[in-house]
C-alpha atoms as a PDB file:
ATOM      1  CA  MET A   1      -0.259   0.173   0.305  1.00  0.00           C
ATOM      2  CA  LEU A   2       1.218   3.487  -0.688  1.00  0.00           C
ATOM      3  CA  ALA A   3       1.023   6.980   0.860  1.00  0.00           C
ATOM      4  CA  LEU A   4       1.715  10.442  -0.426  1.00  0.00           C
ATOM      5  CA  LEU A   5       3.136  12.522   2.107  1.00  0.00           C
ATOM      6  CA  ALA A   6       3.242  16.617   1.929  1.00  0.00           C
ATOM      7  CA  PRO A   7       6.112  18.459   4.520  1.00  0.00           C
ATOM      8  CA  GLY A   8       5.193  21.304   7.176  1.00  0.00           C
ATOM      9  CA  GLN A   9       7.113  24.943   7.680  1.00  0.00           C
ATOM     10  CA  GLY A  10      10.556  24.306   8.571  1.00  0.00           C
ATOM     11  CA  ALA A  11      11.410  22.051   5.157  1.00  0.00           C
ATOM     12  CA  GLN A  12      11.814  24.925   2.825  1.00  0.00           C
ATOM     13  CA  THR A  13      15.503  25.535   1.862  1.00  0.00           C
ATOM     14  CA  PRO A  14      16.873  28.765  -0.146  1.00  0.00           C
ATOM     15  CA  GLY A  15      16.392  27.984  -4.226  1.00  0.00           C
ATOM     16  CA  PHE A  16      14.807  24.936  -3.492  1.00  0.00           C
ATOM     17  CA  LEU A  17      12.108  25.806  -5.906  1.00  0.00           C
ATOM     18  CA  THR A  18      14.142  26.488  -9.070  1.00  0.00           C
ATOM     19  CA  PRO A  19      14.579  23.066 -10.443  1.00  0.00           C
ATOM     20  CA  TRP A  20      11.055  22.018 -10.712  1.00  0.00           C
ATOM     21  CA  LEU A  21      10.256  25.808 -12.492  1.00  0.00           C
ATOM     22  CA  GLU A  22      12.411  24.639 -15.789  1.00  0.00           C
ATOM     23  CA  ASP A  23       8.900  22.930 -16.452  1.00  0.00           C
ATOM     24  CA  ALA A  24       6.629  25.756 -17.724  1.00  0.00           C
ATOM     25  CA  THR A  25       3.738  24.675 -17.387  1.00  0.00           C
ATOM     26  CA  SER A  26       4.478  24.803 -13.666  1.00  0.00           C
ATOM     27  CA  ARG A  27       6.269  27.965 -13.746  1.00  0.00           C
ATOM     28  CA  ASP A  28       3.385  29.423 -15.922  1.00  0.00           C
ATOM     29  CA  LEU A  29       1.628  27.469 -12.919  1.00  0.00           C
ATOM     30  CA  VAL A  30       2.980  29.337 -10.580  1.00  0.00           C
ATOM     31  CA  THR A  31       3.076  32.683 -12.161  1.00  0.00           C
ATOM     32  CA  GLN A  32      -1.061  32.636 -12.072  1.00  0.00           C
ATOM     33  CA  TRP A  33      -0.681  31.543  -8.178  1.00  0.00           C
ATOM     34  CA  SER A  34       1.408  34.712  -7.367  1.00  0.00           C
ATOM     35  CA  LYS A  35      -0.951  36.743  -9.175  1.00  0.00           C
ATOM     36  CA  LEU A  36      -3.839  35.380  -7.091  1.00  0.00           C
ATOM     37  CA  ILE A  37      -2.762  35.459  -4.038  1.00  0.00           C
ATOM     38  CA  ASP A  38      -0.462  38.747  -4.183  1.00  0.00           C
ATOM     39  CA  LEU A  39       3.280  36.903  -3.489  1.00  0.00           C
ATOM     40  CA  ASP A  40       5.736  36.443  -6.002  1.00  0.00           C
ATOM     41  CA  LEU A  41       6.303  32.778  -5.106  1.00  0.00           C
ATOM     42  CA  ILE A  42       8.826  32.577  -8.118  1.00  0.00           C
ATOM     43  CA  ALA A  43      10.911  34.618  -6.324  1.00  0.00           C
ATOM     44  CA  LEU A  44      10.529  32.988  -2.598  1.00  0.00           C
ATOM     45  CA  GLY A  45      11.576  30.087  -4.363  1.00  0.00           C
ATOM     46  CA  THR A  46      14.641  30.656  -6.393  1.00  0.00           C
ATOM     47  CA  THR A  47      16.244  34.128  -4.923  1.00  0.00           C
ATOM     48  CA  ALA A  48      14.915  34.725  -1.484  1.00  0.00           C
ATOM     49  CA  ASP A  49      17.019  33.674   1.303  1.00  0.00           C
ATOM     50  CA  ALA A  50      16.470  32.206   4.546  1.00  0.00           C
ATOM     51  CA  ASP A  51      14.975  35.185   6.751  1.00  0.00           C
ATOM     52  CA  GLU A  52      12.816  35.973   3.890  1.00  0.00           C
ATOM     53  CA  ILE A  53      11.362  32.336   3.101  1.00  0.00           C
ATOM     54  CA  ARG A  54      11.076  31.565   7.152  1.00  0.00           C
ATOM     55  CA  GLU A  55       8.533  34.101   7.485  1.00  0.00           C
ATOM     56  CA  THR A  56       5.427  32.276   8.009  1.00  0.00           C
ATOM     57  CA  SER A  57       3.198  34.109   5.201  1.00  0.00           C
ATOM     58  CA  HIS A  58       5.628  33.336   2.615  1.00  0.00           C
ATOM     59  CA  ALA A  59       7.231  29.886   4.024  1.00  0.00           C
ATOM     60  CA  GLN A  60       3.187  28.141   3.859  1.00  0.00           C
ATOM     61  CA  PRO A  61       2.420  29.279   0.511  1.00  0.00           C
ATOM     62  CA  LEU A  62       5.562  28.608  -0.974  1.00  0.00           C
ATOM     63  CA  LEU A  63       5.758  24.886   0.599  1.00  0.00           C
ATOM     64  CA  VAL A  64       2.140  24.098  -0.775  1.00  0.00           C
ATOM     65  CA  THR A  65       3.532  25.242  -4.024  1.00  0.00           C
ATOM     66  CA  ALA A  66       6.632  22.766  -4.042  1.00  0.00           C
ATOM     67  CA  GLY A  67       4.297  20.164  -2.885  1.00  0.00           C
ATOM     68  CA  LEU A  68       1.430  20.461  -5.664  1.00  0.00           C
ATOM     69  CA  ILE A  69       3.801  21.157  -8.734  1.00  0.00           C
ATOM     70  CA  SER A  70       6.315  18.321  -7.600  1.00  0.00           C
ATOM     71  CA  PHE A  71       3.154  15.935  -7.730  1.00  0.00           C
ATOM     72  CA  ALA A  72       2.026  17.218 -10.809  1.00  0.00           C
ATOM     73  CA  GLN A  73       5.207  16.844 -12.556  1.00  0.00           C
ATOM     74  CA  ALA A  74       6.240  13.385 -10.970  1.00  0.00           C
ATOM     75  CA  PHE A  75       2.633  11.940 -11.181  1.00  0.00           C
ATOM     76  CA  GLY A  76      -0.011  13.710 -13.008  1.00  0.00           C
ATOM     77  CA  GLY A  77      -1.349  11.789 -16.137  1.00  0.00           C
ATOM     78  CA  GLN A  78       0.599   8.672 -14.356  1.00  0.00           C
ATOM     79  CA  ASN A  79      -1.738   5.540 -13.338  1.00  0.00           C
ATOM     80  CA  ILE A  80      -0.872   5.118 -10.426  1.00  0.00           C
ATOM     81  CA  SER A  81      -3.127   5.017  -7.497  1.00  0.00           C
ATOM     82  CA  PHE A  82      -1.995   6.301  -4.196  1.00  0.00           C
ATOM     83  CA  ASP A  83      -4.257   4.601  -0.722  1.00  0.00           C
ATOM     84  CA  PHE A  84      -3.467   7.291   1.810  1.00  0.00           C
ATOM     85  CA  TYR A  85      -2.884  11.259   1.913  1.00  0.00           C
ATOM     86  CA  ALA A  86      -1.683  13.049   4.853  1.00  0.00           C
ATOM     87  CA  GLY A  87       0.780  15.784   5.738  1.00  0.00           C
ATOM     88  CA  HIS A  88       2.554  17.943   8.609  1.00  0.00           C
ATOM     89  CA  SER A  89       0.372  21.263   9.707  1.00  0.00           C
ATOM     90  CA  VAL A  90       0.772  23.375   6.597  1.00  0.00           C
ATOM     91  CA  GLY A  91       1.414  20.137   4.291  1.00  0.00           C
ATOM     92  CA  GLU A  92      -2.171  18.978   5.759  1.00  0.00           C
ATOM     93  CA  ILE A  93      -3.884  21.602   2.690  1.00  0.00           C
ATOM     94  CA  THR A  94      -1.131  20.166   0.422  1.00  0.00           C
ATOM     95  CA  ALA A  95      -2.145  16.442   0.799  1.00  0.00           C
ATOM     96  CA  ALA A  96      -5.973  17.462   0.890  1.00  0.00           C
ATOM     97  CA  SER A  97      -5.523  19.387  -2.415  1.00  0.00           C
ATOM     98  CA  ILE A  98      -3.437  16.428  -4.104  1.00  0.00           C
ATOM     99  CA  ALA A  99      -5.990  14.123  -2.778  1.00  0.00           C
ATOM    100  CA  GLY A 100      -9.105  16.088  -4.727  1.00  0.00           C
ATOM    101  CA  ALA A 101     -11.123  17.748  -1.902  1.00  0.00           C
ATOM    102  CA  PHE A 102     -10.358  21.449  -3.652  1.00  0.00           C
ATOM    103  CA  ASP A 103      -8.150  22.139  -6.412  1.00  0.00           C
ATOM    104  CA  GLY A 104      -4.775  24.231  -6.545  1.00  0.00           C
ATOM    105  CA  ASP A 105      -6.291  27.413  -6.733  1.00  0.00           C
ATOM    106  CA  SER A 106      -8.253  26.913  -3.700  1.00  0.00           C
ATOM    107  CA  ALA A 107      -5.275  25.488  -1.882  1.00  0.00           C
ATOM    108  CA  LEU A 108      -3.024  28.325  -2.351  1.00  0.00           C
ATOM    109  CA  THR A 109      -5.868  30.579  -1.115  1.00  0.00           C
ATOM    110  CA  LEU A 110      -6.766  29.087   1.652  1.00  0.00           C
ATOM    111  CA  VAL A 111      -2.660  28.403   2.984  1.00  0.00           C
ATOM    112  CA  ASN A 112      -2.647  32.560   1.883  1.00  0.00           C
ATOM    113  CA  VAL A 113      -4.986  33.167   4.688  1.00  0.00           C
ATOM    114  CA  ARG A 114      -3.093  30.870   6.892  1.00  0.00           C
ATOM    115  CA  GLY A 115      -0.036  32.257   6.716  1.00  0.00           C
ATOM    116  CA  ARG A 116      -0.942  35.727   7.091  1.00  0.00           C
ATOM    117  CA  ALA A 117      -3.623  35.047   9.968  1.00  0.00           C
ATOM    118  CA  MET A 118      -1.125  33.020  11.612  1.00  0.00           C
ATOM    119  CA  SER A 119       1.622  35.584  11.274  1.00  0.00           C
ATOM    120  CA  ALA A 120       0.057  38.384  12.604  1.00  0.00           C
ATOM    121  CA  SER A 121      -1.649  36.300  15.296  1.00  0.00           C
ATOM    122  CA  ALA A 122       1.715  35.602  16.797  1.00  0.00           C
ATOM    123  CA  THR A 123       2.787  39.724  16.043  1.00  0.00           C
ATOM    124  CA  GLY A 124       3.070  41.201  20.039  1.00  0.00           C
ATOM    125  CA  SER A 125       2.128  37.645  21.671  1.00  0.00           C
ATOM    126  CA  LYS A 126       5.545  36.649  23.635  1.00  0.00           C
ATOM    127  CA  THR A 127       4.823  33.476  22.463  1.00  0.00           C
ATOM    128  CA  GLY A 128       7.186  30.811  20.940  1.00  0.00           C
ATOM    129  CA  MET A 129       8.090  27.194  20.434  1.00  0.00           C
ATOM    130  CA  SER A 130      10.918  25.263  21.306  1.00  0.00           C
ATOM    131  CA  ALA A 131      12.164  21.705  19.981  1.00  0.00           C
ATOM    132  CA  VAL A 132      12.213  18.702  22.950  1.00  0.00           C
ATOM    133  CA  LEU A 133      14.320  15.963  21.859  1.00  0.00           C
ATOM    134  CA  GLY A 134      14.546  12.638  23.935  1.00  0.00           C
ATOM    135  CA  GLY A 135      13.276  11.771  27.305  1.00  0.00           C
ATOM    136  CA  GLU A 136       9.804   9.459  28.091  1.00  0.00           C
ATOM    137  CA  ARG A 137       6.354  11.148  26.238  1.00  0.00           C
ATOM    138  CA  GLU A 138       4.881  10.999  29.550  1.00  0.00           C
ATOM    139  CA  VAL A 139       7.257  13.180  31.168  1.00  0.00           C
ATOM    140  CA  VAL A 140       7.971  15.475  29.010  1.00  0.00           C
ATOM    141  CA  VAL A 141       4.426  16.120  28.609  1.00  0.00           C
ATOM    142  CA  GLU A 142       3.567  16.255  32.266  1.00  0.00           C
ATOM    143  CA  ALA A 143       6.854  18.694  32.275  1.00  0.00           C
ATOM    144  CA  LEU A 144       5.140  21.177  29.794  1.00  0.00           C
ATOM    145  CA  LEU A 145       1.794  20.797  31.236  1.00  0.00           C
ATOM    146  CA  ALA A 146       3.474  22.219  34.469  1.00  0.00           C
ATOM    147  CA  LEU A 147       5.044  25.490  33.057  1.00  0.00           C
ATOM    148  CA  GLY A 148       1.448  26.355  30.871  1.00  0.00           C
ATOM    149  CA  LEU A 149       3.191  25.111  27.453  1.00  0.00           C
ATOM    150  CA  THR A 150       1.147  23.087  25.342  1.00  0.00           C
ATOM    151  CA  PRO A 151       2.789  19.732  23.419  1.00  0.00           C
ATOM    152  CA  ALA A 152       1.872  21.437  20.179  1.00  0.00           C
ATOM    153  CA  ASN A 153       3.651  19.187  17.613  1.00  0.00           C
ATOM    154  CA  GLU A 154       4.348  15.229  18.898  1.00  0.00           C
ATOM    155  CA  ASN A 155       6.426  14.075  15.929  1.00  0.00           C
ATOM    156  CA  GLY A 156       7.748  10.865  17.421  1.00  0.00           C
ATOM    157  CA  GLY A 157      10.910   8.964  17.859  1.00  0.00           C
ATOM    158  CA  GLY A 158      11.239  11.310  21.001  1.00  0.00           C
ATOM    159  CA  GLN A 159      10.766  14.760  19.231  1.00  0.00           C
ATOM    160  CA  ILE A 160       7.910  16.891  20.935  1.00  0.00           C
ATOM    161  CA  VAL A 161       7.601  20.758  20.238  1.00  0.00           C
ATOM    162  CA  ALA A 162       6.563  23.050  22.876  1.00  0.00           C
ATOM    163  CA  ALA A 163       4.390  26.055  22.650  1.00  0.00           C
ATOM    164  CA  GLY A 164       3.504  28.830  24.527  1.00  0.00           C
ATOM    165  CA  ALA A 165       4.871  32.185  26.484  1.00  0.00           C
ATOM    166  CA  LEU A 166       8.643  32.993  26.192  1.00  0.00           C
ATOM    167  CA  GLU A 167       9.130  32.811  29.749  1.00  0.00           C
ATOM    168  CA  ALA A 168       8.002  29.298  30.075  1.00  0.00           C
ATOM    169  CA  LEU A 169       9.929  28.529  27.270  1.00  0.00           C
ATOM    170  CA  ALA A 170      12.937  29.812  29.058  1.00  0.00           C
ATOM    171  CA  LYS A 171      12.099  28.302  31.802  1.00  0.00           C
ATOM    172  CA  LEU A 172      11.980  24.923  30.177  1.00  0.00           C
ATOM    173  CA  ALA A 173      15.498  25.048  28.786  1.00  0.00           C
ATOM    174  CA  GLU A 174      16.878  25.667  32.090  1.00  0.00           C
ATOM    175  CA  ASN A 175      15.458  22.666  33.534  1.00  0.00           C
ATOM    176  CA  PRO A 176      14.724  20.307  30.948  1.00  0.00           C
ATOM    177  CA  PRO A 177      12.609  17.076  31.134  1.00  0.00           C
ATOM    178  CA  ALA A 178      14.798  14.088  32.471  1.00  0.00           C
ATOM    179  CA  GLY A 179      16.767  12.668  29.296  1.00  0.00           C
ATOM    180  CA  ALA A 180      15.721  15.600  27.157  1.00  0.00           C
ATOM    181  CA  ARG A 181      17.838  18.638  25.888  1.00  0.00           C
ATOM    182  CA  VAL A 182      15.637  21.786  24.704  1.00  0.00           C
ATOM    183  CA  ARG A 183      16.158  23.839  21.324  1.00  0.00           C
ATOM    184  CA  PRO A 184      14.298  27.210  20.745  1.00  0.00           C
ATOM    185  CA  LEU A 185      12.895  27.120  17.095  1.00  0.00           C
ATOM    186  CA  GLN A 186      13.061  29.862  14.847  1.00  0.00           C
ATOM    187  CA  VAL A 187       9.634  31.050  14.541  1.00  0.00           C
ATOM    188  CA  SER A 188       7.404  34.019  15.252  1.00  0.00           C
ATOM    189  CA  GLY A 189       4.546  32.679  17.961  1.00  0.00           C
ATOM    190  CA  ALA A 190       3.126  29.717  19.639  1.00  0.00           C
ATOM    191  CA  PHE A 191       1.666  27.680  16.832  1.00  0.00           C
ATOM    192  CA  HIS A 192      -0.947  25.342  16.543  1.00  0.00           C
ATOM    193  CA  THR A 193      -1.982  26.582  20.359  1.00  0.00           C
ATOM    194  CA  ASN A 194      -5.160  28.879  21.539  1.00  0.00           C
ATOM    195  CA  VAL A 195      -2.696  31.771  20.624  1.00  0.00           C
ATOM    196  CA  MET A 196      -4.027  31.133  17.033  1.00  0.00           C
ATOM    197  CA  GLN A 197      -8.059  31.664  17.257  1.00  0.00           C
ATOM    198  CA  PRO A 198      -7.899  34.402  15.589  1.00  0.00           C
ATOM    199  CA  ALA A 199      -6.226  32.473  12.709  1.00  0.00           C
ATOM    200  CA  VAL A 200      -8.953  29.803  13.129  1.00  0.00           C
ATOM    201  CA  THR A 201     -11.378  32.408  12.113  1.00  0.00           C
ATOM    202  CA  ALA A 202     -10.109  33.771   9.161  1.00  0.00           C
ATOM    203  CA  LEU A 203      -9.202  30.467   7.666  1.00  0.00           C
ATOM    204  CA  ALA A 204     -12.731  29.375   8.850  1.00  0.00           C
ATOM    205  CA  ASP A 205     -14.164  32.139   6.409  1.00  0.00           C
ATOM    206  CA  ALA A 206     -11.710  31.499   3.687  1.00  0.00           C
ATOM    207  CA  ALA A 207     -12.714  28.204   3.439  1.00  0.00           C
ATOM    208  CA  ARG A 208     -16.531  28.600   3.065  1.00  0.00           C
ATOM    209  CA  GLU A 209     -15.902  30.348   0.198  1.00  0.00           C
ATOM    210  CA  ILE A 210     -13.920  27.203  -1.446  1.00  0.00           C
ATOM    211  CA  SER A 211     -15.807  24.055  -3.343  1.00  0.00           C
ATOM    212  CA  VAL A 212     -14.705  21.147  -1.490  1.00  0.00           C
ATOM    213  CA  THR A 213     -15.388  17.687  -2.721  1.00  0.00           C
ATOM    214  CA  ASN A 214     -14.812  14.156  -1.217  1.00  0.00           C
ATOM    215  CA  PRO A 215     -10.771  13.079  -1.513  1.00  0.00           C
ATOM    216  CA  ALA A 216     -10.169  10.442  -3.984  1.00  0.00           C
ATOM    217  CA  ALA A 217      -8.555   8.401  -1.113  1.00  0.00           C
ATOM    218  CA  PRO A 218      -8.397   9.078   2.936  1.00  0.00           C
ATOM    219  CA  VAL A 219      -6.405  12.007   4.385  1.00  0.00           C
ATOM    220  CA  ILE A 220      -4.795  10.867   7.640  1.00  0.00           C
ATOM    221  CA  SER A 221      -6.037  13.760  10.091  1.00  0.00           C
ATOM    222  CA  ASN A 222      -3.238  15.787  12.090  1.00  0.00           C
ATOM    223  CA  ARG A 223      -5.645  16.104  14.998  1.00  0.00           C
ATOM    224  CA  ASP A 224      -5.545  12.606  15.587  1.00  0.00           C
ATOM    225  CA  GLY A 225      -4.547   9.939  13.209  1.00  0.00           C
ATOM    226  CA  ALA A 226      -8.106   9.513  12.188  1.00  0.00           C
ATOM    227  CA  ILE A 227      -8.894   8.475   8.631  1.00  0.00           C
ATOM    228  CA  ILE A 228     -10.620  10.586   6.723  1.00  0.00           C
ATOM    229  CA  THR A 229     -13.280  10.158   3.892  1.00  0.00           C
ATOM    230  CA  GLY A 230     -15.337  13.297   3.616  1.00  0.00           C
ATOM    231  CA  GLY A 231     -14.368  16.443   2.538  1.00  0.00           C
ATOM    232  CA  ASP A 232     -16.305  18.756   4.442  1.00  0.00           C
ATOM    233  CA  GLU A 233     -15.017  17.197   7.588  1.00  0.00           C
ATOM    234  CA  LEU A 234     -11.538  17.314   6.300  1.00  0.00           C
ATOM    235  CA  VAL A 235     -11.369  20.679   6.017  1.00  0.00           C
ATOM    236  CA  ALA A 236     -13.214  21.261   9.282  1.00  0.00           C
ATOM    237  CA  ARG A 237     -10.002  19.651  10.452  1.00  0.00           C
ATOM    238  CA  ILE A 238      -7.586  21.664   8.528  1.00  0.00           C
ATOM    239  CA  VAL A 239      -9.201  24.798   9.885  1.00  0.00           C
ATOM    240  CA  GLY A 240      -9.404  23.778  13.530  1.00  0.00           C
ATOM    241  CA  GLN A 241      -5.594  22.429  13.607  1.00  0.00           C
ATOM    242  CA  VAL A 242      -3.885  25.802  13.484  1.00  0.00           C
ATOM    243  CA  SER A 243      -5.019  26.288  17.073  1.00  0.00           C
ATOM    244  CA  GLY A 244      -4.485  22.472  18.048  1.00  0.00           C
ATOM    245  CA  PRO A 245      -1.648  20.028  18.676  1.00  0.00           C
ATOM    246  CA  VAL A 246      -0.101  18.309  15.370  1.00  0.00           C
ATOM    247  CA  ARG A 247      -0.232  14.435  15.963  1.00  0.00           C
ATOM    248  CA  TRP A 248       2.180  13.274  13.684  1.00  0.00           C
ATOM    249  CA  ASP A 249       3.119  10.143  16.066  1.00  0.00           C
ATOM    250  CA  MET A 250      -0.205   9.202  15.459  1.00  0.00           C
ATOM    251  CA  CYS A 251      -0.740   9.872  11.559  1.00  0.00           C
ATOM    252  CA  MET A 252       2.649   7.620  11.125  1.00  0.00           C
ATOM    253  CA  GLN A 253       1.086   4.757  13.428  1.00  0.00           C
ATOM    254  CA  THR A 254      -2.046   4.959  11.503  1.00  0.00           C
ATOM    255  CA  LEU A 255       0.307   4.409   8.141  1.00  0.00           C
ATOM    256  CA  ALA A 256       1.566   0.762  10.244  1.00  0.00           C
ATOM    257  CA  ASP A 257      -1.576  -0.143  11.249  1.00  0.00           C
ATOM    258  CA  GLN A 258      -3.326  -0.112   7.345  1.00  0.00           C
ATOM    259  CA  GLY A 259      -0.836  -1.845   6.235  1.00  0.00           C
ATOM    260  CA  VAL A 260       1.037   0.691   4.029  1.00  0.00           C
ATOM    261  CA  THR A 261       4.821  -0.485   3.123  1.00  0.00           C
ATOM    262  CA  GLY A 262       5.484   2.723   1.327  1.00  0.00           C
ATOM    263  CA  VAL A 263       5.386   6.422   1.000  1.00  0.00           C
ATOM    264  CA  ILE A 264       6.398   8.897  -0.913  1.00  0.00           C
ATOM    265  CA  GLU A 265       7.285  12.416   0.163  1.00  0.00           C
ATOM    266  CA  VAL A 266       6.691  15.289  -2.124  1.00  0.00           C
ATOM    267  CA  ALA A 267       9.168  18.323  -2.439  1.00  0.00           C
ATOM    268  CA  PRO A 268      10.871  19.647  -0.281  1.00  0.00           C
ATOM    269  CA  GLY A 269      11.078  15.554   0.849  1.00  0.00           C
ATOM    270  CA  GLY A 270      12.975  14.597   3.508  1.00  0.00           C
ATOM    271  CA  THR A 271      11.918  15.715   7.310  1.00  0.00           C
ATOM    272  CA  LEU A 272       8.719  13.398   7.141  1.00  0.00           C
ATOM    273  CA  THR A 273      10.487  10.373   5.876  1.00  0.00           C
ATOM    274  CA  GLY A 274      13.129  11.152   8.326  1.00  0.00           C
ATOM    275  CA  LEU A 275      10.365  10.849  10.825  1.00  0.00           C
ATOM    276  CA  VAL A 276       8.858   7.673   9.716  1.00  0.00           C
ATOM    277  CA  LYS A 277      11.902   5.943   9.492  1.00  0.00           C
ATOM    278  CA  ARG A 278      12.306   6.427  12.785  1.00  0.00           C
ATOM    279  CA  ALA A 279       8.954   5.916  14.434  1.00  0.00           C
ATOM    280  CA  GLN A 280       8.140   2.635  11.326  1.00  0.00           C
ATOM    281  CA  PRO A 281      11.153   1.400  10.315  1.00  0.00           C
ATOM    282  CA  GLY A 282       9.421  -1.388   8.393  1.00  0.00           C
ATOM    283  CA  ILE A 283       7.593   1.092   5.870  1.00  0.00           C
ATOM    284  CA  GLU A 284      10.184   1.886   2.645  1.00  0.00           C
ATOM    285  CA  LEU A 285      10.750   5.480   2.030  1.00  0.00           C
ATOM    286  CA  PHE A 286      11.441   7.865  -1.154  1.00  0.00           C
ATOM    287  CA  ALA A 287      11.791  11.863  -0.457  1.00  0.00           C
ATOM    288  CA  LEU A 288      10.956  13.764  -3.758  1.00  0.00           C
ATOM    289  CA  LYS A 289      13.861  16.486  -3.499  1.00  0.00           C
ATOM    290  CA  THR A 290      14.133  17.558  -7.072  1.00  0.00           C
ATOM    291  CA  PRO A 291      12.687  16.800 -11.141  1.00  0.00           C
ATOM    292  CA  GLU A 292      15.786  14.390 -10.942  1.00  0.00           C
ATOM    293  CA  ASP A 293      13.656  11.794  -8.351  1.00  0.00           C
ATOM    294  CA  ILE A 294      10.791  11.748 -10.716  1.00  0.00           C
ATOM    295  CA  SER A 295      11.918   8.272 -12.204  1.00  0.00           C
ATOM    296  CA  ALA A 296      12.780   6.528  -9.559  1.00  0.00           C
ATOM    297  CA  ALA A 297       9.766   7.951  -7.595  1.00  0.00           C
ATOM    298  CA  ARG A 298       7.253   6.563 -10.495  1.00  0.00           C
ATOM    299  CA  GLU A 299       9.244   3.209  -9.759  1.00  0.00           C
ATOM    300  CA  PHE A 300       9.362   3.072  -6.141  1.00  0.00           C
ATOM    301  CA  ALA A 301       5.059   3.940  -6.723  1.00  0.00           C
ATOM    302  CA  LEU A 302       4.558   1.144  -9.114  1.00  0.00           C
ATOM    303  CA  THR A 303       6.553  -1.027  -6.723  1.00  0.00           C
ATOM    304  CA  HIS A 304       3.893   0.177  -3.529  1.00  0.00           C
ATOM    305  CA  SER A 305       0.804   0.579  -5.436  1.00  0.00           C
ATOM    306  CA  GLY A 306      -1.654  -1.919  -4.737  1.00  0.00           C
ATOM    307  CA  LYS A 307       0.490  -4.286  -2.414  1.00  0.00           C
ATOM    308  CA  SER A 308      -0.326  -4.718   1.474  1.00  0.00           C
ATOM    309  CA  LYS A 309       2.482  -5.866   4.122  1.00  0.00           C
ATOM    310  CA  GLY A 310       3.040 -10.065   4.205  1.00  0.00           C
ATOM    311  CA  GLY A 311       1.681 -10.081   0.303  1.00  0.00           C
ATOM    312  CA  ASN A 312       0.936  -8.717  -3.135  1.00  0.00           C
END
């Protein structure tokens, strides 16, 4: 069985979109999307520096763009079916669009509202995020809650992202949970917490304006790893996860429980396949990074499409 994954914020690097834009159809589409959301996605993906593409309102549309065009180049027109789709945080918009819940224009419209609203919600909030690496999950979560922090991303493999007040994050760094170390993240605020509630409202308003259908195959939800087959429920979950924790650990467990044998991560691939490698070593992995990977990605997909663990 085959799953497609779409990465979230932090996966972007300067110039990573450049090779994908050598395809004329993709370049025209990205030009169209740039006009649609009034953001120069081509410049951001080719010449912008790390600081510019780290900005939330830039990073999120850029990542969705990369996921959509890399998928189209690799699998558009190919007779390859995916059994499940999933994306981490903003990647859930990419995954839902590729799965057919809404079109590319709608995906870019949604992510543009999401990125700008999350950035605005963070401004002046005196909040942030830190990665907690190592330690037992229960011990780490208990320590975060005691400081009034939220386990905003549970990524499996001993990686939990704490979010909340900068003062509380500083105390966490001074006294890490047993067996863990704390690494501050370069983000503008406490994403996936109630600090983001204004962004939820903005995204909900935008979501009411797009056309939604049921995805062609199930999307695994960030909220709890649930398998979602209805378009309306999927969009509601995408809206709600802006202020709720991302349980990527549960998404990976669902992949394993459903008998997925291979996963492909769309561009900029690598982050999620790395997490799956640590958490579910029995699943084979392919990270789509440049167009040079397309041929191998198709071969990988054909190997796993329609296959289940323990047989063919």
